[in-house]
Amino acid sequence: MNFHIVTLFPKAFDSYLGESILKRAIEDKKIKVTFYNPRDFVENKWKRVDRPPYGGGPGLVIEALPVIKAIEKALKSTKPRNQSTKIIWLSPSGKQFDNTYAKKAAKKYKNIILVCGRYEGIDARVKRVFKMEEVSVGPFVLTGGELPAMIIMDAVSRQVPGILGNMDSLEERRVASPDVYTRPEIFKYKNKSYKVPKILLSGHKAKIEIWKQSRKKA
């Protein structure tokens, strides 16, 4: 799985991609992440890519051509060329991203291009140049598309065989309770004892599964 990230701030991804599961997935070459900065596709010496919006209004809008050239370069790097590729335009007004979307994306595509906006957004004409889908990670507005891109990378990567090691780690494929417990069986805090539910100590798998199901619905 290859993720191609179009962003003005590639360093924003360093911390998340440098830890835990995604770090190992990159090191093991299960996934690959490549960045394309629109600033690299402008000729002015200030590397400026933002301008005031037509029609007035606050803030600045990212110019179309630098983003188009960044996406174009990403498409040229896909193997096989432009096939099994999905372009996602991150937008709070887009289609709701969820685990079903992540699972389908991991199964169908080898390359996912994530276009991250900033400021007041990206010139909408970019959407007329490429076939892409607007996707939202939730009913809220963020400063930029970098956090949504990380969410999508994480959720899709978990669906790629070999990344989690054991596919049973996918909560959505098993009966999983939102409440989990580990040793010790009992601990005290401020003179109050906190115990693991007895059912989890019983060894009765069927009853434990029923309990987990009830907790999941609670």
N, C-alpha and C. Protein backbone atom coordinates (compact mmCIF):
# COMPACT_ATOMS: atom_id res chain seq x y z
N MET A 1 0.85 -1.19 0.00
CA MET A 1 0.00 0.00 0.00
C MET A 1 0.88 1.24 0.00
N ASN A 2 0.66 2.11 -0.96
CA ASN A 2 1.44 3.34 -1.09
C ASN A 2 0.53 4.55 -0.82
N PHE A 3 0.93 5.36 0.13
CA PHE A 3 0.21 6.59 0.42
C PHE A 3 1.01 7.76 -0.13
N HIS A 4 0.35 8.60 -0.91
CA HIS A 4 0.96 9.79 -1.50
C HIS A 4 0.27 11.00 -0.88
N ILE A 5 1.02 11.81 -0.14
CA ILE A 5 0.42 12.91 0.61
C ILE A 5 0.78 14.24 -0.02
N VAL A 6 -0.22 14.98 -0.46
CA VAL A 6 -0.03 16.33 -0.98
C VAL A 6 -0.29 17.29 0.17
N THR A 7 0.76 17.94 0.65
CA THR A 7 0.62 18.80 1.82
C THR A 7 1.69 19.89 1.83
N LEU A 8 1.34 21.02 2.40
CA LEU A 8 2.31 22.11 2.59
C LEU A 8 3.19 21.86 3.82
N PHE A 9 2.79 20.89 4.66
CA PHE A 9 3.49 20.67 5.91
C PHE A 9 3.83 19.19 6.12
N PRO A 10 4.73 18.64 5.33
CA PRO A 10 5.07 17.22 5.47
C PRO A 10 5.67 16.87 6.83
N LYS A 11 6.35 17.81 7.48
CA LYS A 11 6.96 17.51 8.78
C LYS A 11 5.92 17.27 9.87
N ALA A 12 4.68 17.68 9.61
CA ALA A 12 3.61 17.44 10.58
C ALA A 12 3.37 15.94 10.79
N PHE A 13 3.82 15.12 9.85
CA PHE A 13 3.60 13.68 9.92
C PHE A 13 4.73 12.93 10.63
N ASP A 14 5.85 13.61 10.88
CA ASP A 14 7.04 12.94 11.39
C ASP A 14 6.79 12.15 12.67
N SER A 15 6.15 12.77 13.64
CA SER A 15 5.97 12.13 14.94
C SER A 15 5.11 10.88 14.83
N TYR A 16 3.98 10.99 14.14
CA TYR A 16 3.05 9.85 14.09
C TYR A 16 3.62 8.69 13.30
N LEU A 17 4.26 9.00 12.18
CA LEU A 17 4.82 7.93 11.35
C LEU A 17 6.12 7.37 11.93
N GLY A 18 6.67 8.05 12.93
CA GLY A 18 7.93 7.61 13.52
C GLY A 18 7.75 6.77 14.76
N GLU A 19 6.53 6.33 15.03
CA GLU A 19 6.27 5.54 16.23
C GLU A 19 5.42 4.31 15.93
N SER A 20 5.58 3.30 16.74
CA SER A 20 4.68 2.16 16.84
C SER A 20 4.41 1.43 15.52
N ILE A 21 3.15 1.09 15.28
CA ILE A 21 2.77 0.18 14.20
C ILE A 21 3.09 0.73 12.82
N LEU A 22 2.78 1.99 12.57
CA LEU A 22 3.04 2.53 11.24
C LEU A 22 4.54 2.63 10.96
N LYS A 23 5.32 2.92 11.99
CA LYS A 23 6.78 2.95 11.81
C LYS A 23 7.29 1.58 11.38
N ARG A 24 6.83 0.53 12.07
CA ARG A 24 7.25 -0.83 11.72
C ARG A 24 6.76 -1.22 10.33
N ALA A 25 5.55 -0.79 9.99
CA ALA A 25 5.00 -1.11 8.67
C ALA A 25 5.84 -0.49 7.56
N ILE A 26 6.32 0.74 7.80
CA ILE A 26 7.18 1.41 6.81
C ILE A 26 8.53 0.70 6.73
N GLU A 27 9.09 0.38 7.90
CA GLU A 27 10.39 -0.30 7.93
C GLU A 27 10.32 -1.68 7.26
N ASP A 28 9.19 -2.36 7.44
CA ASP A 28 9.01 -3.69 6.84
C ASP A 28 8.53 -3.64 5.40
N LYS A 29 8.39 -2.41 4.88
CA LYS A 29 7.95 -2.17 3.51
C LYS A 29 6.56 -2.73 3.21
N LYS A 30 5.73 -2.74 4.27
CA LYS A 30 4.33 -3.11 4.08
C LYS A 30 3.55 -1.92 3.51
N ILE A 31 3.97 -0.71 3.93
CA ILE A 31 3.40 0.51 3.37
C ILE A 31 4.53 1.47 3.03
N LYS A 32 4.23 2.39 2.14
CA LYS A 32 5.19 3.42 1.77
C LYS A 32 4.47 4.76 1.78
N VAL A 33 5.12 5.78 2.34
CA VAL A 33 4.53 7.12 2.41
C VAL A 33 5.45 8.11 1.71
N THR A 34 4.89 8.81 0.71
CA THR A 34 5.66 9.80 -0.05
C THR A 34 4.95 11.14 0.01
N PHE A 35 5.71 12.21 0.16
CA PHE A 35 5.13 13.54 0.28
C PHE A 35 5.40 14.38 -0.97
N TYR A 36 4.42 15.23 -1.28
CA TYR A 36 4.50 16.13 -2.43
C TYR A 36 4.06 17.51 -1.95
N ASN A 37 5.01 18.42 -1.85
CA ASN A 37 4.72 19.75 -1.33
C ASN A 37 4.44 20.70 -2.50
N PRO A 38 3.24 21.29 -2.55
CA PRO A 38 2.93 22.24 -3.63
C PRO A 38 3.94 23.37 -3.76
N ARG A 39 4.61 23.70 -2.68
CA ARG A 39 5.62 24.78 -2.73
C ARG A 39 6.77 24.42 -3.68
N ASP A 40 6.99 23.14 -3.89
CA ASP A 40 8.07 22.70 -4.78
C ASP A 40 7.71 22.88 -6.26
N PHE A 41 6.47 23.30 -6.52
CA PHE A 41 6.02 23.41 -7.90
C PHE A 41 5.65 24.85 -8.27
N VAL A 42 6.22 25.79 -7.55
CA VAL A 42 6.03 27.21 -7.89
C VAL A 42 7.38 27.81 -8.26
N GLU A 43 7.34 28.84 -9.08
CA GLU A 43 8.57 29.44 -9.57
C GLU A 43 8.97 30.71 -8.82
N ASN A 44 8.04 31.30 -8.06
CA ASN A 44 8.42 32.52 -7.35
C ASN A 44 9.39 32.19 -6.22
N LYS A 45 10.31 33.11 -5.96
CA LYS A 45 11.40 32.84 -5.01
C LYS A 45 10.92 32.73 -3.57
N TRP A 46 9.70 33.19 -3.28
CA TRP A 46 9.17 33.11 -1.93
C TRP A 46 8.43 31.79 -1.68
N LYS A 47 8.30 31.00 -2.74
CA LYS A 47 7.59 29.71 -2.64
C LYS A 47 6.14 29.92 -2.16
N ARG A 48 5.57 31.02 -2.58
CA ARG A 48 4.20 31.33 -2.14
C ARG A 48 3.19 30.58 -3.00
N VAL A 49 2.21 29.97 -2.32
CA VAL A 49 1.18 29.21 -3.04
C VAL A 49 -0.23 29.68 -2.69
N ASP A 50 -0.35 30.70 -1.83
CA ASP A 50 -1.67 31.13 -1.38
C ASP A 50 -1.97 32.56 -1.82
N ARG A 51 -3.24 32.80 -2.15
CA ARG A 51 -3.69 34.12 -2.63
C ARG A 51 -5.06 34.43 -2.02
N PRO A 52 -5.43 35.72 -2.00
CA PRO A 52 -6.77 36.08 -1.51
C PRO A 52 -7.85 35.47 -2.40
N PRO A 53 -9.00 35.13 -1.83
CA PRO A 53 -10.07 34.50 -2.61
C PRO A 53 -10.81 35.50 -3.50
N TYR A 54 -11.19 35.05 -4.69
CA TYR A 54 -12.08 35.85 -5.53
C TYR A 54 -13.43 35.93 -4.83
N GLY A 55 -14.09 37.07 -4.96
CA GLY A 55 -15.39 37.24 -4.34
C GLY A 55 -15.31 37.76 -2.93
N GLY A 56 -14.07 37.95 -2.44
CA GLY A 56 -13.90 38.48 -1.09
C GLY A 56 -13.98 37.41 -0.02
N GLY A 57 -13.79 37.85 1.20
CA GLY A 57 -13.81 36.92 2.32
C GLY A 57 -12.46 36.87 3.01
N PRO A 58 -12.43 36.33 4.23
CA PRO A 58 -11.20 36.29 5.01
C PRO A 58 -10.26 35.19 4.54
N GLY A 59 -9.01 35.27 4.98
CA GLY A 59 -8.06 34.19 4.74
C GLY A 59 -7.52 34.13 3.33
N LEU A 60 -6.79 33.06 3.07
CA LEU A 60 -6.14 32.85 1.79
C LEU A 60 -6.50 31.47 1.23
N VAL A 61 -6.43 31.36 -0.09
CA VAL A 61 -6.76 30.11 -0.78
C VAL A 61 -5.51 29.58 -1.48
N ILE A 62 -5.29 28.29 -1.42
CA ILE A 62 -4.14 27.67 -2.08
C ILE A 62 -4.39 27.61 -3.58
N GLU A 63 -3.42 28.06 -4.35
CA GLU A 63 -3.56 28.10 -5.80
C GLU A 63 -3.72 26.69 -6.39
N ALA A 64 -4.41 26.61 -7.51
CA ALA A 64 -4.71 25.33 -8.14
C ALA A 64 -3.48 24.66 -8.78
N LEU A 65 -2.71 25.42 -9.57
CA LEU A 65 -1.64 24.81 -10.36
C LEU A 65 -0.57 24.08 -9.54
N PRO A 66 -0.09 24.64 -8.42
CA PRO A 66 0.90 23.89 -7.63
C PRO A 66 0.35 22.56 -7.11
N VAL A 67 -0.92 22.55 -6.74
CA VAL A 67 -1.54 21.33 -6.25
C VAL A 67 -1.73 20.33 -7.40
N ILE A 68 -2.16 20.84 -8.55
CA ILE A 68 -2.32 19.98 -9.74
C ILE A 68 -1.00 19.32 -10.11
N LYS A 69 0.08 20.09 -10.09
CA LYS A 69 1.39 19.54 -10.44
C LYS A 69 1.86 18.52 -9.42
N ALA A 70 1.53 18.74 -8.14
CA ALA A 70 1.90 17.79 -7.09
C ALA A 70 1.14 16.47 -7.27
N ILE A 71 -0.15 16.57 -7.56
CA ILE A 71 -0.95 15.36 -7.79
C ILE A 71 -0.46 14.64 -9.04
N GLU A 72 -0.14 15.40 -10.06
CA GLU A 72 0.36 14.83 -11.31
C GLU A 72 1.65 14.03 -11.07
N LYS A 73 2.53 14.58 -10.26
CA LYS A 73 3.78 13.86 -9.95
C LYS A 73 3.49 12.59 -9.17
N ALA A 74 2.53 12.67 -8.24
CA ALA A 74 2.15 11.48 -7.47
C ALA A 74 1.60 10.40 -8.39
N LEU A 75 0.77 10.79 -9.34
CA LEU A 75 0.21 9.82 -10.29
C LEU A 75 1.30 9.17 -11.14
N LYS A 76 2.29 9.95 -11.53
CA LYS A 76 3.37 9.42 -12.35
C LYS A 76 4.22 8.39 -11.60
N SER A 77 4.21 8.49 -10.27
CA SER A 77 5.03 7.58 -9.48
C SER A 77 4.30 6.30 -9.10
N THR A 78 3.00 6.20 -9.43
CA THR A 78 2.26 5.00 -9.07
C THR A 78 2.63 3.84 -9.97
N LYS A 79 2.64 2.66 -9.39
CA LYS A 79 2.95 1.43 -10.14
C LYS A 79 1.89 0.39 -9.83
N PRO A 80 1.21 -0.17 -10.86
CA PRO A 80 1.30 0.23 -12.27
C PRO A 80 0.74 1.64 -12.48
N ARG A 81 1.19 2.30 -13.49
CA ARG A 81 0.91 3.71 -13.73
C ARG A 81 -0.58 4.02 -13.69
N ASN A 82 -0.96 4.85 -12.72
CA ASN A 82 -2.32 5.38 -12.58
C ASN A 82 -3.39 4.32 -12.34
N GLN A 83 -2.99 3.05 -12.16
CA GLN A 83 -3.97 2.00 -11.92
C GLN A 83 -4.06 1.70 -10.43
N SER A 84 -5.21 1.17 -10.01
CA SER A 84 -5.43 0.87 -8.59
C SER A 84 -5.12 2.09 -7.72
N THR A 85 -5.51 3.26 -8.21
CA THR A 85 -5.20 4.50 -7.50
C THR A 85 -6.47 5.26 -7.14
N LYS A 86 -6.52 5.74 -5.92
CA LYS A 86 -7.64 6.54 -5.43
C LYS A 86 -7.13 7.90 -4.99
N ILE A 87 -7.76 8.96 -5.49
CA ILE A 87 -7.41 10.32 -5.05
C ILE A 87 -8.50 10.79 -4.09
N ILE A 88 -8.09 11.15 -2.89
CA ILE A 88 -9.03 11.62 -1.87
C ILE A 88 -8.77 13.09 -1.57
N TRP A 89 -9.82 13.87 -1.71
CA TRP A 89 -9.79 15.32 -1.41
C TRP A 89 -10.39 15.46 -0.02
N LEU A 90 -9.56 15.80 0.96
CA LEU A 90 -10.03 15.88 2.33
C LEU A 90 -10.85 17.14 2.54
N SER A 91 -12.10 16.96 2.97
CA SER A 91 -13.03 18.08 3.08
C SER A 91 -14.06 17.79 4.17
N PRO A 92 -14.37 18.77 5.03
CA PRO A 92 -15.39 18.55 6.07
C PRO A 92 -16.78 18.30 5.50
N SER A 93 -16.99 18.61 4.24
CA SER A 93 -18.30 18.39 3.62
C SER A 93 -18.34 17.13 2.78
N GLY A 94 -17.29 16.30 2.86
CA GLY A 94 -17.21 15.11 2.03
C GLY A 94 -17.92 13.90 2.61
N LYS A 95 -17.77 12.77 1.95
CA LYS A 95 -18.36 11.50 2.39
C LYS A 95 -17.72 11.08 3.70
N GLN A 96 -18.54 10.56 4.62
CA GLN A 96 -18.03 10.18 5.94
C GLN A 96 -17.11 8.95 5.85
N PHE A 97 -15.90 9.12 6.33
CA PHE A 97 -14.94 8.01 6.38
C PHE A 97 -15.25 7.12 7.58
N ASP A 98 -15.19 5.80 7.37
CA ASP A 98 -15.40 4.86 8.48
C ASP A 98 -14.62 3.57 8.19
N ASN A 99 -14.77 2.56 9.04
CA ASN A 99 -14.04 1.31 8.87
C ASN A 99 -14.41 0.57 7.59
N THR A 100 -15.67 0.68 7.20
CA THR A 100 -16.10 0.04 5.95
C THR A 100 -15.36 0.65 4.77
N TYR A 101 -15.25 1.96 4.77
CA TYR A 101 -14.52 2.66 3.70
C TYR A 101 -13.05 2.23 3.72
N ALA A 102 -12.45 2.16 4.92
CA ALA A 102 -11.05 1.77 5.05
C ALA A 102 -10.80 0.37 4.52
N LYS A 103 -11.70 -0.54 4.85
CA LYS A 103 -11.55 -1.93 4.41
C LYS A 103 -11.63 -2.04 2.90
N LYS A 104 -12.59 -1.34 2.30
CA LYS A 104 -12.74 -1.38 0.85
C LYS A 104 -11.53 -0.76 0.15
N ALA A 105 -11.03 0.35 0.72
CA ALA A 105 -9.88 1.03 0.12
C ALA A 105 -8.64 0.15 0.16
N ALA A 106 -8.43 -0.55 1.29
CA ALA A 106 -7.26 -1.41 1.42
C ALA A 106 -7.32 -2.59 0.45
N LYS A 107 -8.53 -3.05 0.18
CA LYS A 107 -8.71 -4.21 -0.70
C LYS A 107 -8.61 -3.83 -2.18
N LYS A 108 -9.10 -2.64 -2.52
CA LYS A 108 -9.24 -2.26 -3.92
C LYS A 108 -8.05 -1.49 -4.49
N TYR A 109 -7.37 -0.69 -3.64
CA TYR A 109 -6.35 0.22 -4.17
C TYR A 109 -4.95 -0.11 -3.67
N LYS A 110 -3.96 0.11 -4.52
CA LYS A 110 -2.56 -0.03 -4.16
C LYS A 110 -1.95 1.35 -3.86
N ASN A 111 -2.58 2.39 -4.40
CA ASN A 111 -2.09 3.76 -4.20
C ASN A 111 -3.24 4.65 -3.76
N ILE A 112 -3.04 5.39 -2.69
CA ILE A 112 -4.02 6.36 -2.23
C ILE A 112 -3.34 7.72 -2.15
N ILE A 113 -3.88 8.67 -2.89
CA ILE A 113 -3.35 10.04 -2.87
C ILE A 113 -4.27 10.88 -1.99
N LEU A 114 -3.71 11.47 -0.95
CA LEU A 114 -4.48 12.28 -0.01
C LEU A 114 -4.11 13.74 -0.19
N VAL A 115 -5.09 14.56 -0.54
CA VAL A 115 -4.85 15.98 -0.80
C VAL A 115 -5.28 16.78 0.43
N CYS A 116 -4.29 17.38 1.09
CA CYS A 116 -4.53 18.11 2.34
C CYS A 116 -4.66 19.61 2.09
N GLY A 117 -5.76 20.16 2.47
CA GLY A 117 -5.95 21.59 2.34
C GLY A 117 -5.43 22.35 3.55
N ARG A 118 -5.37 23.66 3.44
CA ARG A 118 -4.97 24.55 4.54
C ARG A 118 -5.63 25.90 4.32
N TYR A 119 -5.52 26.76 5.30
CA TYR A 119 -6.08 28.12 5.23
C TYR A 119 -7.57 28.04 4.92
N GLU A 120 -8.03 28.75 3.87
CA GLU A 120 -9.45 28.70 3.52
C GLU A 120 -9.76 27.58 2.53
N GLY A 121 -8.75 26.78 2.19
CA GLY A 121 -8.96 25.66 1.28
C GLY A 121 -8.12 25.77 0.02
N ILE A 122 -8.39 24.86 -0.91
CA ILE A 122 -7.68 24.80 -2.19
C ILE A 122 -8.62 25.23 -3.30
N ASP A 123 -8.11 25.94 -4.27
CA ASP A 123 -8.90 26.35 -5.44
C ASP A 123 -9.69 25.14 -5.97
N ALA A 124 -11.01 25.28 -6.02
CA ALA A 124 -11.90 24.17 -6.36
C ALA A 124 -11.71 23.63 -7.77
N ARG A 125 -11.02 24.37 -8.63
CA ARG A 125 -10.83 23.89 -10.00
C ARG A 125 -9.96 22.64 -10.08
N VAL A 126 -9.21 22.36 -9.01
CA VAL A 126 -8.40 21.14 -8.98
C VAL A 126 -9.31 19.92 -9.12
N LYS A 127 -10.49 20.00 -8.53
CA LYS A 127 -11.43 18.86 -8.56
C LYS A 127 -11.99 18.61 -9.96
N ARG A 128 -11.85 19.59 -10.84
CA ARG A 128 -12.32 19.42 -12.22
C ARG A 128 -11.24 18.79 -13.10
N VAL A 129 -10.00 18.79 -12.62
CA VAL A 129 -8.89 18.25 -13.41
C VAL A 129 -8.75 16.74 -13.20
N PHE A 130 -8.95 16.28 -11.96
CA PHE A 130 -8.77 14.87 -11.64
C PHE A 130 -10.06 14.26 -11.13
N LYS A 131 -10.18 12.94 -11.33
CA LYS A 131 -11.29 12.20 -10.75
C LYS A 131 -10.93 11.90 -9.31
N MET A 132 -11.66 12.46 -8.38
CA MET A 132 -11.35 12.27 -6.97
C MET A 132 -12.63 12.26 -6.15
N GLU A 133 -12.50 11.85 -4.91
CA GLU A 133 -13.66 11.78 -4.02
C GLU A 133 -13.41 12.65 -2.79
N GLU A 134 -14.40 13.46 -2.43
CA GLU A 134 -14.29 14.26 -1.22
C GLU A 134 -14.65 13.40 -0.01
N VAL A 135 -13.78 13.40 0.99
CA VAL A 135 -13.96 12.55 2.16
C VAL A 135 -13.75 13.37 3.43
N SER A 136 -14.58 13.12 4.43
CA SER A 136 -14.49 13.79 5.73
C SER A 136 -14.28 12.75 6.82
N VAL A 137 -13.47 13.09 7.84
CA VAL A 137 -13.27 12.17 8.96
C VAL A 137 -14.22 12.48 10.11
N GLY A 138 -15.05 13.50 9.97
CA GLY A 138 -15.99 13.79 11.04
C GLY A 138 -16.71 15.11 10.83
N PRO A 139 -17.78 15.33 11.61
CA PRO A 139 -18.59 16.55 11.46
C PRO A 139 -17.97 17.74 12.19
N PHE A 140 -16.75 18.09 11.78
CA PHE A 140 -16.08 19.23 12.39
C PHE A 140 -15.06 19.77 11.39
N VAL A 141 -14.55 20.96 11.67
CA VAL A 141 -13.57 21.60 10.80
C VAL A 141 -12.24 21.68 11.52
N LEU A 142 -11.17 21.25 10.85
CA LEU A 142 -9.83 21.31 11.42
C LEU A 142 -9.01 22.37 10.70
N THR A 143 -7.83 22.67 11.25
CA THR A 143 -6.96 23.68 10.66
C THR A 143 -6.46 23.27 9.28
N GLY A 144 -6.27 21.98 9.09
CA GLY A 144 -5.76 21.49 7.81
C GLY A 144 -6.09 20.02 7.62
N GLY A 145 -5.68 19.48 6.49
CA GLY A 145 -6.01 18.09 6.17
C GLY A 145 -5.00 17.08 6.67
N GLU A 146 -3.97 17.53 7.37
CA GLU A 146 -2.92 16.61 7.80
C GLU A 146 -3.42 15.58 8.82
N LEU A 147 -4.15 16.03 9.83
CA LEU A 147 -4.68 15.08 10.82
C LEU A 147 -5.66 14.08 10.19
N PRO A 148 -6.61 14.53 9.35
CA PRO A 148 -7.45 13.56 8.66
C PRO A 148 -6.66 12.57 7.81
N ALA A 149 -5.60 13.03 7.16
CA ALA A 149 -4.77 12.13 6.36
C ALA A 149 -4.14 11.06 7.23
N MET A 150 -3.67 11.43 8.41
CA MET A 150 -3.09 10.46 9.34
C MET A 150 -4.14 9.44 9.79
N ILE A 151 -5.35 9.92 10.06
CA ILE A 151 -6.43 9.02 10.48
C ILE A 151 -6.72 8.00 9.39
N ILE A 152 -6.83 8.47 8.16
CA ILE A 152 -7.11 7.56 7.05
C ILE A 152 -5.97 6.58 6.83
N MET A 153 -4.73 7.05 6.89
CA MET A 153 -3.58 6.16 6.75
C MET A 153 -3.59 5.07 7.81
N ASP A 154 -3.86 5.47 9.04
CA ASP A 154 -3.88 4.51 10.15
C ASP A 154 -4.97 3.47 9.94
N ALA A 155 -6.20 3.93 9.69
CA ALA A 155 -7.33 3.02 9.56
C ALA A 155 -7.18 2.08 8.37
N VAL A 156 -6.69 2.59 7.24
CA VAL A 156 -6.51 1.75 6.05
C VAL A 156 -5.35 0.78 6.26
N SER A 157 -4.26 1.25 6.84
CA SER A 157 -3.09 0.39 7.05
C SER A 157 -3.42 -0.80 7.93
N ARG A 158 -4.28 -0.63 8.91
CA ARG A 158 -4.66 -1.73 9.80
C ARG A 158 -5.33 -2.86 9.04
N GLN A 159 -5.90 -2.54 7.89
CA GLN A 159 -6.59 -3.54 7.09
C GLN A 159 -5.65 -4.31 6.15
N VAL A 160 -4.41 -3.87 6.07
CA VAL A 160 -3.45 -4.51 5.18
C VAL A 160 -2.85 -5.73 5.88
N PRO A 161 -2.97 -6.93 5.31
CA PRO A 161 -2.44 -8.13 5.95
C PRO A 161 -0.96 -8.00 6.31
N GLY A 162 -0.64 -8.43 7.52
CA GLY A 162 0.75 -8.41 7.95
C GLY A 162 1.14 -7.23 8.79
N ILE A 163 0.35 -6.16 8.75
CA ILE A 163 0.72 -4.96 9.50
C ILE A 163 0.45 -5.11 11.00
N LEU A 164 -0.68 -5.71 11.34
CA LEU A 164 -0.98 -5.93 12.75
C LEU A 164 -0.38 -7.23 13.28
N GLY A 165 0.16 -8.05 12.39
CA GLY A 165 0.70 -9.34 12.81
C GLY A 165 -0.40 -10.37 12.90
N ASN A 166 -1.37 -10.14 13.75
CA ASN A 166 -2.52 -11.04 13.92
C ASN A 166 -3.77 -10.28 13.51
N MET A 167 -4.43 -10.74 12.46
CA MET A 167 -5.62 -10.02 11.97
C MET A 167 -6.76 -10.06 12.96
N ASP A 168 -6.68 -10.95 13.99
CA ASP A 168 -7.69 -10.94 15.03
C ASP A 168 -7.59 -9.70 15.90
N SER A 169 -6.51 -8.94 15.73
CA SER A 169 -6.37 -7.68 16.46
C SER A 169 -7.35 -6.63 15.95
N LEU A 170 -7.94 -6.87 14.79
CA LEU A 170 -8.95 -5.96 14.26
C LEU A 170 -10.23 -6.11 15.08
N GLU A 171 -10.53 -5.11 15.91
CA GLU A 171 -11.69 -5.19 16.77
C GLU A 171 -12.98 -5.44 16.01
N GLU A 172 -13.06 -4.87 14.80
CA GLU A 172 -14.30 -4.99 14.04
C GLU A 172 -14.55 -6.39 13.51
N ARG A 173 -13.53 -7.29 13.60
CA ARG A 173 -13.69 -8.66 13.11
C ARG A 173 -13.97 -9.64 14.23
N ARG A 174 -14.12 -9.17 15.45
CA ARG A 174 -14.37 -10.05 16.58
C ARG A 174 -15.30 -9.37 17.57
N VAL A 175 -15.76 -10.16 18.54
CA VAL A 175 -16.58 -9.57 19.59
C VAL A 175 -15.66 -8.87 20.57
N ALA A 176 -15.69 -7.57 20.57
CA ALA A 176 -14.77 -6.79 21.41
C ALA A 176 -15.55 -5.85 22.31
N SER A 177 -15.22 -5.88 23.58
CA SER A 177 -15.83 -4.97 24.53
C SER A 177 -15.03 -3.67 24.58
N PRO A 178 -15.69 -2.54 24.79
CA PRO A 178 -14.95 -1.29 24.94
C PRO A 178 -14.15 -1.25 26.24
N ASP A 179 -14.49 -2.17 27.18
CA ASP A 179 -13.79 -2.25 28.46
C ASP A 179 -12.85 -3.44 28.46
N VAL A 180 -11.59 -3.23 28.78
CA VAL A 180 -10.61 -4.31 28.84
C VAL A 180 -9.87 -4.25 30.18
N TYR A 181 -9.34 -5.40 30.61
CA TYR A 181 -8.70 -5.51 31.91
C TYR A 181 -7.44 -6.37 31.81
N THR A 182 -6.51 -6.13 32.74
CA THR A 182 -5.31 -6.95 32.83
C THR A 182 -4.88 -7.06 34.29
N ARG A 183 -3.76 -7.68 34.57
CA ARG A 183 -3.27 -7.86 35.93
C ARG A 183 -2.88 -6.51 36.55
N PRO A 184 -3.00 -6.36 37.87
CA PRO A 184 -3.45 -7.36 38.85
C PRO A 184 -4.96 -7.52 38.87
N GLU A 185 -5.41 -8.62 39.46
CA GLU A 185 -6.84 -8.90 39.54
C GLU A 185 -7.56 -7.86 40.39
N ILE A 186 -6.88 -7.40 41.43
CA ILE A 186 -7.44 -6.38 42.34
C ILE A 186 -6.35 -5.35 42.65
N PHE A 187 -6.71 -4.07 42.62
CA PHE A 187 -5.79 -3.06 43.11
C PHE A 187 -6.57 -2.04 43.94
N LYS A 188 -5.84 -1.36 44.81
CA LYS A 188 -6.46 -0.38 45.68
C LYS A 188 -5.99 1.02 45.32
N TYR A 189 -6.92 1.95 45.38
CA TYR A 189 -6.61 3.35 45.15
C TYR A 189 -7.46 4.19 46.08
N LYS A 190 -6.81 4.94 46.94
CA LYS A 190 -7.51 5.77 47.94
C LYS A 190 -8.49 4.95 48.76
N ASN A 191 -7.99 3.83 49.27
CA ASN A 191 -8.74 2.94 50.16
C ASN A 191 -9.95 2.27 49.51
N LYS A 192 -10.00 2.29 48.20
CA LYS A 192 -11.09 1.61 47.51
C LYS A 192 -10.51 0.53 46.61
N SER A 193 -11.15 -0.65 46.62
CA SER A 193 -10.68 -1.79 45.82
C SER A 193 -11.35 -1.79 44.46
N TYR A 194 -10.57 -2.06 43.43
CA TYR A 194 -11.07 -2.15 42.06
C TYR A 194 -10.77 -3.55 41.54
N LYS A 195 -11.82 -4.29 41.16
CA LYS A 195 -11.69 -5.69 40.78
C LYS A 195 -12.00 -5.92 39.31
N VAL A 196 -11.40 -6.95 38.76
CA VAL A 196 -11.74 -7.41 37.41
C VAL A 196 -13.09 -8.12 37.49
N PRO A 197 -14.01 -7.90 36.53
CA PRO A 197 -15.30 -8.61 36.54
C PRO A 197 -15.09 -10.12 36.64
N LYS A 198 -15.85 -10.77 37.52
CA LYS A 198 -15.68 -12.21 37.77
C LYS A 198 -15.82 -13.05 36.51
N ILE A 199 -16.69 -12.63 35.60
CA ILE A 199 -16.93 -13.43 34.40
C ILE A 199 -15.64 -13.62 33.60
N LEU A 200 -14.76 -12.62 33.61
CA LEU A 200 -13.53 -12.71 32.84
C LEU A 200 -12.51 -13.66 33.46
N LEU A 201 -12.75 -14.03 34.72
CA LEU A 201 -11.86 -14.95 35.42
C LEU A 201 -12.39 -16.37 35.40
N SER A 202 -13.59 -16.54 34.84
CA SER A 202 -14.26 -17.83 34.91
C SER A 202 -13.69 -18.87 33.94
N GLY A 203 -13.11 -18.42 32.82
CA GLY A 203 -12.62 -19.37 31.81
C GLY A 203 -13.72 -19.92 30.93
N HIS A 204 -14.95 -19.46 31.13
CA HIS A 204 -16.10 -19.93 30.34
C HIS A 204 -16.23 -19.05 29.09
N LYS A 205 -15.68 -19.51 27.98
CA LYS A 205 -15.59 -18.69 26.77
C LYS A 205 -16.93 -18.20 26.27
N ALA A 206 -17.93 -19.07 26.26
CA ALA A 206 -19.25 -18.68 25.73
C ALA A 206 -19.86 -17.55 26.55
N LYS A 207 -19.77 -17.69 27.88
CA LYS A 207 -20.33 -16.66 28.75
C LYS A 207 -19.54 -15.35 28.64
N ILE A 208 -18.22 -15.47 28.47
CA ILE A 208 -17.40 -14.28 28.31
C ILE A 208 -17.77 -13.55 27.03
N GLU A 209 -18.03 -14.30 25.94
CA GLU A 209 -18.42 -13.67 24.68
C GLU A 209 -19.76 -12.95 24.81
N ILE A 210 -20.69 -13.57 25.55
CA ILE A 210 -21.99 -12.95 25.78
C ILE A 210 -21.82 -11.65 26.57
N TRP A 211 -20.94 -11.70 27.59
CA TRP A 211 -20.67 -10.50 28.39
C TRP A 211 -20.07 -9.39 27.53
N LYS A 212 -19.12 -9.75 26.69
CA LYS A 212 -18.50 -8.75 25.81
C LYS A 212 -19.54 -8.13 24.88
N GLN A 213 -20.43 -8.97 24.36
CA GLN A 213 -21.46 -8.47 23.47
C GLN A 213 -22.38 -7.49 24.20
N SER A 214 -22.69 -7.80 25.44
CA SER A 214 -23.57 -6.92 26.22
C SER A 214 -22.88 -5.59 26.51
N ARG A 215 -21.58 -5.63 26.77
CA ARG A 215 -20.84 -4.40 27.03
C ARG A 215 -20.73 -3.56 25.76
N LYS A 216 -20.61 -4.24 24.62
CA LYS A 216 -20.50 -3.54 23.35
C LYS A 216 -21.76 -2.75 23.04
N LYS A 217 -22.91 -3.30 23.44
CA LYS A 217 -24.19 -2.65 23.18
C LYS A 217 -24.51 -1.58 24.21
N ALA A 218 -23.85 -1.64 25.36
CA ALA A 218 -24.17 -0.71 26.46
C ALA A 218 -23.85 0.74 26.09
